[in-house]
């Protein structure tokens, strides 16, 4: 099994330990992406939202890639 960055799990609100399924990652990504999508924020909070959205997207991509290789 490939090591997964625990920060990516936390970014999506997933448990740091234990088994992980692709379905879990997909179900966790959607609310995170909707919450932090830059189009939903204005002003100074938009920059923070962009960073959080990028983290959610990177976490999703990394976790999905590592699960696909298992």
PDB file of N, CA and C in Angstrom:
ATOM      1  N   UNK A   1       0.846  -1.193   0.000  1.00  0.00           N
ATOM      2  CA  UNK A   1       0.000   0.000   0.000  1.00  0.00           C
ATOM      3  C   UNK A   1       0.882   1.244   0.000  1.00  0.00           C
ATOM      4  N   UNK A   2       0.528   2.232  -0.762  1.00  0.00           N
ATOM      5  CA  UNK A   2       1.262   3.482  -0.849  1.00  0.00           C
ATOM      6  C   UNK A   2       0.905   4.356   0.342  1.00  0.00           C
ATOM      7  N   UNK A   3       1.908   5.025   0.887  1.00  0.00           N
ATOM      8  CA  UNK A   3       1.659   5.938   2.010  1.00  0.00           C
ATOM      9  C   UNK A   3       0.872   7.147   1.509  1.00  0.00           C
ATOM     10  N   UNK A   4      -0.141   7.511   2.237  1.00  0.00           N
ATOM     11  CA  UNK A   4      -0.958   8.663   1.886  1.00  0.00           C
ATOM     12  C   UNK A   4      -0.707   9.758   2.906  1.00  0.00           C
ATOM     13  N   UNK A   5      -0.598  10.961   2.432  1.00  0.00           N
ATOM     14  CA  UNK A   5      -0.355  12.096   3.302  1.00  0.00           C
ATOM     15  C   UNK A   5      -1.555  12.289   4.227  1.00  0.00           C
ATOM     16  N   UNK A   6      -1.340  12.212   5.559  1.00  0.00           N
ATOM     17  CA  UNK A   6      -2.469  12.379   6.486  1.00  0.00           C
ATOM     18  C   UNK A   6      -3.110  13.761   6.384  1.00  0.00           C
ATOM     19  N   UNK A   7      -2.336  14.761   5.962  1.00  0.00           N
ATOM     20  CA  UNK A   7      -2.901  16.106   5.808  1.00  0.00           C
ATOM     21  C   UNK A   7      -3.981  16.118   4.726  1.00  0.00           C
ATOM     22  N   UNK A   8      -3.790  15.308   3.701  1.00  0.00           N
ATOM     23  CA  UNK A   8      -4.794  15.235   2.644  1.00  0.00           C
ATOM     24  C   UNK A   8      -6.083  14.620   3.169  1.00  0.00           C
ATOM     25  N   UNK A   9      -5.963  13.624   4.007  1.00  0.00           N
ATOM     26  CA  UNK A   9      -7.163  13.035   4.609  1.00  0.00           C
ATOM     27  C   UNK A   9      -7.886  14.068   5.465  1.00  0.00           C
ATOM     28  N   UNK A  10      -7.120  14.795   6.271  1.00  0.00           N
ATOM     29  CA  UNK A  10      -7.718  15.818   7.136  1.00  0.00           C
ATOM     30  C   UNK A  10      -8.363  16.932   6.319  1.00  0.00           C
ATOM     31  N   UNK A  11      -7.741  17.303   5.211  1.00  0.00           N
ATOM     32  CA  UNK A  11      -8.280  18.371   4.361  1.00  0.00           C
ATOM     33  C   UNK A  11      -9.679  18.033   3.862  1.00  0.00           C
ATOM     34  N   UNK A  12      -9.924  16.750   3.670  1.00  0.00           N
ATOM     35  CA  UNK A  12     -11.240  16.311   3.198  1.00  0.00           C
ATOM     36  C   UNK A  12     -12.149  15.871   4.336  1.00  0.00           C
ATOM     37  N   UNK A  13     -11.663  15.998   5.568  1.00  0.00           N
ATOM     38  CA  UNK A  13     -12.474  15.624   6.720  1.00  0.00           C
ATOM     39  C   UNK A  13     -12.527  14.127   6.958  1.00  0.00           C
ATOM     40  N   UNK A  14     -11.541  13.409   6.461  1.00  0.00           N
ATOM     41  CA  UNK A  14     -11.491  11.957   6.622  1.00  0.00           C
ATOM     42  C   UNK A  14     -10.596  11.580   7.797  1.00  0.00           C
ATOM     43  N   UNK A  15     -10.796  10.395   8.323  1.00  0.00           N
ATOM     44  CA  UNK A  15      -9.977   9.884   9.414  1.00  0.00           C
ATOM     45  C   UNK A  15      -8.540   9.691   8.932  1.00  0.00           C
ATOM     46  N   UNK A  16      -7.589  10.027   9.795  1.00  0.00           N
ATOM     47  CA  UNK A  16      -6.177   9.917   9.434  1.00  0.00           C
ATOM     48  C   UNK A  16      -5.737   8.462   9.348  1.00  0.00           C
ATOM     49  N   UNK A  17      -6.340   7.611  10.137  1.00  0.00           N
ATOM     50  CA  UNK A  17      -5.944   6.203  10.133  1.00  0.00           C
ATOM     51  C   UNK A  17      -7.102   5.335   9.651  1.00  0.00           C
ATOM     52  N   UNK A  18      -6.776   4.111   9.385  1.00  0.00           N
ATOM     53  CA  UNK A  18      -7.807   3.174   8.968  1.00  0.00           C
ATOM     54  C   UNK A  18      -7.898   3.050   7.469  1.00  0.00           C
ATOM     55  N   UNK A  19      -8.701   2.100   7.024  1.00  0.00           N
ATOM     56  CA  UNK A  19      -8.836   1.862   5.582  1.00  0.00           C
ATOM     57  C   UNK A  19      -9.561   3.020   4.893  1.00  0.00           C
ATOM     58  N   UNK A  20      -9.264   3.164   3.638  1.00  0.00           N
ATOM     59  CA  UNK A  20      -9.855   4.240   2.854  1.00  0.00           C
ATOM     60  C   UNK A  20     -10.325   3.665   1.528  1.00  0.00           C
ATOM     61  N   UNK A  21     -11.527   4.037   1.137  1.00  0.00           N
ATOM     62  CA  UNK A  21     -12.091   3.589  -0.133  1.00  0.00           C
ATOM     63  C   UNK A  21     -12.230   4.794  -1.058  1.00  0.00           C
ATOM     64  N   UNK A  22     -12.195   4.524  -2.338  1.00  0.00           N
ATOM     65  CA  UNK A  22     -12.355   5.573  -3.334  1.00  0.00           C
ATOM     66  C   UNK A  22     -13.682   6.300  -3.142  1.00  0.00           C
ATOM     67  N   UNK A  23     -14.711   5.560  -2.815  1.00  0.00           N
ATOM     68  CA  UNK A  23     -16.034   6.153  -2.589  1.00  0.00           C
ATOM     69  C   UNK A  23     -16.002   7.157  -1.428  1.00  0.00           C
ATOM     70  N   UNK A  24     -15.238   6.837  -0.380  1.00  0.00           N
ATOM     71  CA  UNK A  24     -15.104   7.754   0.760  1.00  0.00           C
ATOM     72  C   UNK A  24     -14.478   9.074   0.323  1.00  0.00           C
ATOM     73  N   UNK A  25     -13.447   8.981  -0.500  1.00  0.00           N
ATOM     74  CA  UNK A  25     -12.748  10.178  -0.975  1.00  0.00           C
ATOM     75  C   UNK A  25     -13.682  11.018  -1.838  1.00  0.00           C
ATOM     76  N   UNK A  26     -14.388  10.375  -2.742  1.00  0.00           N
ATOM     77  CA  UNK A  26     -15.313  11.096  -3.619  1.00  0.00           C
ATOM     78  C   UNK A  26     -16.421  11.777  -2.822  1.00  0.00           C
ATOM     79  N   UNK A  27     -16.970  11.081  -1.839  1.00  0.00           N
ATOM     80  CA  UNK A  27     -18.046  11.649  -1.024  1.00  0.00           C
ATOM     81  C   UNK A  27     -17.560  12.793  -0.146  1.00  0.00           C
ATOM     82  N   UNK A  28     -16.311  12.775   0.253  1.00  0.00           N
ATOM     83  CA  UNK A  28     -15.763  13.841   1.092  1.00  0.00           C
ATOM     84  C   UNK A  28     -15.350  15.053   0.258  1.00  0.00           C
ATOM     85  N   UNK A  29     -14.962  14.817  -0.984  1.00  0.00           N
ATOM     86  CA  UNK A  29     -14.481  15.915  -1.829  1.00  0.00           C
ATOM     87  C   UNK A  29     -15.591  16.901  -2.195  1.00  0.00           C
ATOM     88  N   UNK A  30     -16.735  16.414  -2.537  1.00  0.00           N
ATOM     89  CA  UNK A  30     -17.808  17.297  -3.020  1.00  0.00           C
ATOM     90  C   UNK A  30     -18.170  18.400  -2.029  1.00  0.00           C
ATOM     91  N   UNK A  31     -18.466  18.097  -0.758  1.00  0.00           N
ATOM     92  CA  UNK A  31     -18.801  19.186   0.166  1.00  0.00           C
ATOM     93  C   UNK A  31     -17.638  20.156   0.381  1.00  0.00           C
ATOM     94  N   UNK A  32     -16.427  19.617   0.374  1.00  0.00           N
ATOM     95  CA  UNK A  32     -15.252  20.472   0.541  1.00  0.00           C
ATOM     96  C   UNK A  32     -15.125  21.432  -0.646  1.00  0.00           C
ATOM     97  N   UNK A  33     -15.277  20.900  -1.844  1.00  0.00           N
ATOM     98  CA  UNK A  33     -15.170  21.723  -3.046  1.00  0.00           C
ATOM     99  C   UNK A  33     -16.282  22.770  -3.109  1.00  0.00           C
ATOM    100  N   UNK A  34     -17.479  22.391  -2.738  1.00  0.00           N
ATOM    101  CA  UNK A  34     -18.586  23.353  -2.749  1.00  0.00           C
ATOM    102  C   UNK A  34     -18.381  24.452  -1.710  1.00  0.00           C
ATOM    103  N   UNK A  35     -17.891  24.073  -0.547  1.00  0.00           N
ATOM    104  CA  UNK A  35     -17.678  25.049   0.524  1.00  0.00           C
ATOM    105  C   UNK A  35     -16.604  26.066   0.157  1.00  0.00           C
ATOM    106  N   UNK A  36     -15.523  25.611  -0.459  1.00  0.00           N
ATOM    107  CA  UNK A  36     -14.369  26.479  -0.691  1.00  0.00           C
ATOM    108  C   UNK A  36     -14.212  26.947  -2.126  1.00  0.00           C
ATOM    109  N   UNK A  37     -15.169  26.681  -2.999  1.00  0.00           N
ATOM    110  CA  UNK A  37     -15.032  27.133  -4.387  1.00  0.00           C
ATOM    111  C   UNK A  37     -14.907  28.656  -4.410  1.00  0.00           C
ATOM    112  N   UNK A  38     -13.886  29.182  -5.091  1.00  0.00           N
ATOM    113  CA  UNK A  38     -13.645  30.633  -5.097  1.00  0.00           C
ATOM    114  C   UNK A  38     -14.813  31.469  -5.607  1.00  0.00           C
ATOM    115  N   UNK A  39     -15.629  30.926  -6.477  1.00  0.00           N
ATOM    116  CA  UNK A  39     -16.772  31.680  -6.999  1.00  0.00           C
ATOM    117  C   UNK A  39     -17.824  31.951  -5.926  1.00  0.00           C
ATOM    118  N   UNK A  40     -17.759  31.237  -4.812  1.00  0.00           N
ATOM    119  CA  UNK A  40     -18.731  31.424  -3.734  1.00  0.00           C
ATOM    120  C   UNK A  40     -18.263  32.443  -2.700  1.00  0.00           C
ATOM    121  N   UNK A  41     -17.079  33.004  -2.908  1.00  0.00           N
ATOM    122  CA  UNK A  41     -16.503  33.946  -1.942  1.00  0.00           C
ATOM    123  C   UNK A  41     -16.127  35.243  -2.638  1.00  0.00           C
ATOM    124  N   UNK A  42     -16.133  36.318  -1.854  1.00  0.00           N
ATOM    125  CA  UNK A  42     -15.793  37.628  -2.399  1.00  0.00           C
ATOM    126  C   UNK A  42     -14.781  38.307  -1.492  1.00  0.00           C
ATOM    127  N   UNK A  43     -14.118  39.308  -2.035  1.00  0.00           N
ATOM    128  CA  UNK A  43     -13.206  40.119  -1.239  1.00  0.00           C
ATOM    129  C   UNK A  43     -11.999  39.342  -0.750  1.00  0.00           C
ATOM    130  N   UNK A  44     -11.586  39.670   0.468  1.00  0.00           N
ATOM    131  CA  UNK A  44     -10.374  39.064   1.022  1.00  0.00           C
ATOM    132  C   UNK A  44     -10.541  37.575   1.301  1.00  0.00           C
ATOM    133  N   UNK A  45     -11.757  37.140   1.528  1.00  0.00           N
ATOM    134  CA  UNK A  45     -11.967  35.712   1.800  1.00  0.00           C
ATOM    135  C   UNK A  45     -11.802  34.864   0.537  1.00  0.00           C
ATOM    136  N   UNK A  46     -11.819  35.502  -0.629  1.00  0.00           N
ATOM    137  CA  UNK A  46     -11.664  34.753  -1.876  1.00  0.00           C
ATOM    138  C   UNK A  46     -10.269  34.134  -1.970  1.00  0.00           C
ATOM    139  N   UNK A  47      -9.254  34.847  -1.511  1.00  0.00           N
ATOM    140  CA  UNK A  47      -7.886  34.316  -1.551  1.00  0.00           C
ATOM    141  C   UNK A  47      -7.754  33.092  -0.651  1.00  0.00           C
ATOM    142  N   UNK A  48      -8.356  33.156   0.521  1.00  0.00           N
ATOM    143  CA  UNK A  48      -8.335  32.014   1.440  1.00  0.00           C
ATOM    144  C   UNK A  48      -9.091  30.846   0.812  1.00  0.00           C
ATOM    145  N   UNK A  49     -10.222  31.144   0.212  1.00  0.00           N
ATOM    146  CA  UNK A  49     -11.031  30.099  -0.423  1.00  0.00           C
ATOM    147  C   UNK A  49     -10.262  29.427  -1.558  1.00  0.00           C
ATOM    148  N   UNK A  50      -9.512  30.217  -2.328  1.00  0.00           N
ATOM    149  CA  UNK A  50      -8.723  29.642  -3.417  1.00  0.00           C
ATOM    150  C   UNK A  50      -7.690  28.657  -2.884  1.00  0.00           C
ATOM    151  N   UNK A  51      -7.029  29.016  -1.786  1.00  0.00           N
ATOM    152  CA  UNK A  51      -6.031  28.126  -1.181  1.00  0.00           C
ATOM    153  C   UNK A  51      -6.678  26.839  -0.669  1.00  0.00           C
ATOM    154  N   UNK A  52      -7.801  26.985   0.017  1.00  0.00           N
ATOM    155  CA  UNK A  52      -8.495  25.813   0.565  1.00  0.00           C
ATOM    156  C   UNK A  52      -9.020  24.916  -0.558  1.00  0.00           C
ATOM    157  N   UNK A  53      -9.539  25.537  -1.613  1.00  0.00           N
ATOM    158  CA  UNK A  53     -10.049  24.775  -2.746  1.00  0.00           C
ATOM    159  C   UNK A  53      -8.921  24.004  -3.426  1.00  0.00           C
ATOM    160  N   UNK A  54      -7.765  24.653  -3.587  1.00  0.00           N
ATOM    161  CA  UNK A  54      -6.613  23.974  -4.181  1.00  0.00           C
ATOM    162  C   UNK A  54      -6.162  22.803  -3.312  1.00  0.00           C
ATOM    163  N   UNK A  55      -6.203  22.980  -1.993  1.00  0.00           N
ATOM    164  CA  UNK A  55      -5.838  21.892  -1.085  1.00  0.00           C
ATOM    165  C   UNK A  55      -6.824  20.729  -1.213  1.00  0.00           C
ATOM    166  N   UNK A  56      -8.115  21.033  -1.258  1.00  0.00           N
ATOM    167  CA  UNK A  56      -9.132  19.983  -1.437  1.00  0.00           C
ATOM    168  C   UNK A  56      -8.908  19.234  -2.749  1.00  0.00           C
ATOM    169  N   UNK A  57      -8.625  19.975  -3.799  1.00  0.00           N
ATOM    170  CA  UNK A  57      -8.416  19.356  -5.111  1.00  0.00           C
ATOM    171  C   UNK A  57      -7.156  18.499  -5.134  1.00  0.00           C
ATOM    172  N   UNK A  58      -6.074  19.009  -4.532  1.00  0.00           N
ATOM    173  CA  UNK A  58      -4.825  18.242  -4.473  1.00  0.00           C
ATOM    174  C   UNK A  58      -5.011  16.979  -3.641  1.00  0.00           C
ATOM    175  N   UNK A  59      -5.728  17.105  -2.543  1.00  0.00           N
ATOM    176  CA  UNK A  59      -5.986  15.951  -1.680  1.00  0.00           C
ATOM    177  C   UNK A  59      -6.791  14.901  -2.437  1.00  0.00           C
ATOM    178  N   UNK A  60      -7.825  15.336  -3.107  1.00  0.00           N
ATOM    179  CA  UNK A  60      -8.667  14.418  -3.881  1.00  0.00           C
ATOM    180  C   UNK A  60      -7.840  13.688  -4.934  1.00  0.00           C
ATOM    181  N   UNK A  61      -7.068  14.451  -5.695  1.00  0.00           N
ATOM    182  CA  UNK A  61      -6.277  13.856  -6.773  1.00  0.00           C
ATOM    183  C   UNK A  61      -5.248  12.874  -6.233  1.00  0.00           C
ATOM    184  N   UNK A  62      -4.548  13.272  -5.194  1.00  0.00           N
ATOM    185  CA  UNK A  62      -3.506  12.419  -4.621  1.00  0.00           C
ATOM    186  C   UNK A  62      -4.079  11.131  -4.036  1.00  0.00           C
ATOM    187  N   UNK A  63      -5.144  11.262  -3.272  1.00  0.00           N
ATOM    188  CA  UNK A  63      -5.743  10.078  -2.653  1.00  0.00           C
ATOM    189  C   UNK A  63      -6.349   9.145  -3.698  1.00  0.00           C
ATOM    190  N   UNK A  64      -7.006   9.708  -4.695  1.00  0.00           N
ATOM    191  CA  UNK A  64      -7.580   8.872  -5.761  1.00  0.00           C
ATOM    192  C   UNK A  64      -6.478   8.151  -6.533  1.00  0.00           C
ATOM    193  N   UNK A  65      -5.396   8.866  -6.831  1.00  0.00           N
ATOM    194  CA  UNK A  65      -4.286   8.248  -7.551  1.00  0.00           C
ATOM    195  C   UNK A  65      -3.672   7.110  -6.746  1.00  0.00           C
ATOM    196  N   UNK A  66      -3.468   7.333  -5.452  1.00  0.00           N
ATOM    197  CA  UNK A  66      -2.842   6.293  -4.634  1.00  0.00           C
ATOM    198  C   UNK A  66      -3.773   5.087  -4.463  1.00  0.00           C
ATOM    199  N   UNK A  67      -5.073   5.328  -4.386  1.00  0.00           N
ATOM    200  CA  UNK A  67      -6.014   4.210  -4.278  1.00  0.00           C
ATOM    201  C   UNK A  67      -6.095   3.424  -5.586  1.00  0.00           C
ATOM    202  N   UNK A  68      -5.939   4.109  -6.705  1.00  0.00           N
ATOM    203  CA  UNK A  68      -5.982   3.435  -8.001  1.00  0.00           C
ATOM    204  C   UNK A  68      -4.772   2.522  -8.184  1.00  0.00           C
ATOM    205  N   UNK A  69      -3.662   2.866  -7.541  1.00  0.00           N
ATOM    206  CA  UNK A  69      -2.447   2.060  -7.658  1.00  0.00           C
ATOM    207  C   UNK A  69      -2.441   0.862  -6.722  1.00  0.00           C
ATOM    208  N   UNK A  70      -3.324   0.863  -5.733  1.00  0.00           N
ATOM    209  CA  UNK A  70      -3.378  -0.256  -4.774  1.00  0.00           C
ATOM    210  C   UNK A  70      -3.901  -1.506  -5.419  1.00  0.00           C
TER     211      UNK A  70
END
